[in-house]
Amino acid sequence: MNKDQIDTHLDRKKSNFPSVCVHCGDQILSNDIYYVEVGNKEHLHSLIARKFCEDCYKKYGEQMLLKGKNE
């Protein structure tokens, strides 16, 4: 593993304010469920943590969505 990369996983959250899914570009509205990238052992700053809508998570799964960070 490259030392510039952080091992991450997705956590399920409820949105407090509107946001955008980085995979499909659809809006994540307030009170919608979304998935946010968090570090497994290290802190991942909220400015670089990616957010995915529930539809993308259901359609592609965690591993496929996170795979894009290594490419």
C-alpha atoms as a PDB file:
ATOM      1  CA  MET A   1       0.000   0.000   0.000  1.00  0.00           C
ATOM      2  CA  ASN A   2       1.213   3.472  -0.877  1.00  0.00           C
ATOM      3  CA  LYS A   3       1.781   5.496   2.287  1.00  0.00           C
ATOM      4  CA  ASP A   4      -0.201   8.400   0.752  1.00  0.00           C
ATOM      5  CA  GLN A   5      -3.334   6.243   0.719  1.00  0.00           C
ATOM      6  CA  ILE A   6      -5.584   5.645   3.711  1.00  0.00           C
ATOM      7  CA  ASP A   7      -7.570   2.424   4.137  1.00  0.00           C
ATOM      8  CA  THR A   8     -11.238   3.392   4.210  1.00  0.00           C
ATOM      9  CA  HIS A   9     -14.748   2.021   4.476  1.00  0.00           C
ATOM     10  CA  LEU A  10     -18.232   3.519   4.109  1.00  0.00           C
ATOM     11  CA  ASP A  11     -20.454   4.488   7.056  1.00  0.00           C
ATOM     12  CA  ARG A  12     -24.209   4.914   6.760  1.00  0.00           C
ATOM     13  CA  LYS A  13     -25.385   8.394   7.795  1.00  0.00           C
ATOM     14  CA  LYS A  14     -28.484  10.590   7.682  1.00  0.00           C
ATOM     15  CA  SER A  15     -27.891  13.889   5.897  1.00  0.00           C
ATOM     16  CA  ASN A  16     -28.262  17.097   7.912  1.00  0.00           C
ATOM     17  CA  PHE A  17     -27.981  19.301   4.829  1.00  0.00           C
ATOM     18  CA  PRO A  18     -28.072  18.845   1.027  1.00  0.00           C
ATOM     19  CA  SER A  19     -25.017  17.351  -0.645  1.00  0.00           C
ATOM     20  CA  VAL A  20     -24.081  15.643  -3.933  1.00  0.00           C
ATOM     21  CA  CYS A  21     -23.183  12.014  -4.655  1.00  0.00           C
ATOM     22  CA  VAL A  22     -19.653  11.914  -6.082  1.00  0.00           C
ATOM     23  CA  HIS A  23     -20.453   8.824  -8.162  1.00  0.00           C
ATOM     24  CA  CYS A  24     -23.654   9.772 -10.024  1.00  0.00           C
ATOM     25  CA  GLY A  25     -23.947  13.513  -9.302  1.00  0.00           C
ATOM     26  CA  ASP A  26     -27.476  13.246  -7.887  1.00  0.00           C
ATOM     27  CA  GLN A  27     -28.408  15.471  -4.983  1.00  0.00           C
ATOM     28  CA  ILE A  28     -28.531  13.998  -1.477  1.00  0.00           C
ATOM     29  CA  LEU A  29     -31.332  15.895   0.262  1.00  0.00           C
ATOM     30  CA  SER A  30     -31.666  16.690   3.971  1.00  0.00           C
ATOM     31  CA  ASN A  31     -32.780  13.621   5.958  1.00  0.00           C
ATOM     32  CA  ASP A  32     -31.729  11.237   3.134  1.00  0.00           C
ATOM     33  CA  ILE A  33     -29.556   8.234   3.924  1.00  0.00           C
ATOM     34  CA  TYR A  34     -26.084   8.408   2.360  1.00  0.00           C
ATOM     35  CA  TYR A  35     -22.713   6.700   2.788  1.00  0.00           C
ATOM     36  CA  VAL A  36     -19.582   8.628   3.706  1.00  0.00           C
ATOM     37  CA  GLU A  37     -15.986   7.445   3.399  1.00  0.00           C
ATOM     38  CA  VAL A  38     -14.117   7.176   6.723  1.00  0.00           C
ATOM     39  CA  GLY A  39     -10.635   5.951   7.591  1.00  0.00           C
ATOM     40  CA  ASN A  40     -10.206   2.489   9.130  1.00  0.00           C
ATOM     41  CA  LYS A  41      -7.320   3.486  11.415  1.00  0.00           C
ATOM     42  CA  GLU A  42      -6.538   7.070  10.449  1.00  0.00           C
ATOM     43  CA  HIS A  43      -8.735  10.169  10.402  1.00  0.00           C
ATOM     44  CA  LEU A  44     -10.032  11.092   6.949  1.00  0.00           C
ATOM     45  CA  HIS A  45     -10.797  14.828   6.847  1.00  0.00           C
ATOM     46  CA  SER A  46     -14.364  15.671   5.883  1.00  0.00           C
ATOM     47  CA  LEU A  47     -13.166  17.842   2.991  1.00  0.00           C
ATOM     48  CA  ILE A  48     -11.722  14.813   1.176  1.00  0.00           C
ATOM     49  CA  ALA A  49     -14.192  12.158   2.365  1.00  0.00           C
ATOM     50  CA  ARG A  50     -16.426  11.118  -0.525  1.00  0.00           C
ATOM     51  CA  LYS A  51     -20.205  10.850  -0.153  1.00  0.00           C
ATOM     52  CA  PHE A  52     -22.361   8.357  -2.046  1.00  0.00           C
ATOM     53  CA  CYS A  53     -26.149   8.250  -2.341  1.00  0.00           C
ATOM     54  CA  GLU A  54     -28.079   5.217  -1.131  1.00  0.00           C
ATOM     55  CA  ASP A  55     -29.025   4.234  -4.706  1.00  0.00           C
ATOM     56  CA  CYS A  56     -25.366   3.996  -5.804  1.00  0.00           C
ATOM     57  CA  TYR A  57     -24.484   2.041  -2.667  1.00  0.00           C
ATOM     58  CA  LYS A  58     -27.274  -0.459  -3.352  1.00  0.00           C
ATOM     59  CA  LYS A  59     -26.453  -0.715  -7.045  1.00  0.00           C
ATOM     60  CA  TYR A  60     -22.636  -0.949  -6.920  1.00  0.00           C
ATOM     61  CA  GLY A  61     -21.736  -1.904  -3.334  1.00  0.00           C
ATOM     62  CA  GLU A  62     -19.010  -0.600  -1.082  1.00  0.00           C
ATOM     63  CA  GLN A  63     -16.031  -2.246  -2.764  1.00  0.00           C
ATOM     64  CA  MET A  64     -16.890  -0.952  -6.258  1.00  0.00           C
ATOM     65  CA  LEU A  65     -17.442   2.605  -5.008  1.00  0.00           C
ATOM     66  CA  LEU A  66     -14.193   2.659  -3.020  1.00  0.00           C
ATOM     67  CA  LYS A  67     -12.217   1.088  -5.853  1.00  0.00           C
ATOM     68  CA  GLY A  68     -12.141   4.391  -7.731  1.00  0.00           C
ATOM     69  CA  LYS A  69      -9.793   5.959  -5.152  1.00  0.00           C
ATOM     70  CA  ASN A  70      -6.889   3.758  -6.275  1.00  0.00           C
ATOM     71  CA  GLU A  71      -7.210   4.502  -9.979  1.00  0.00           C
END
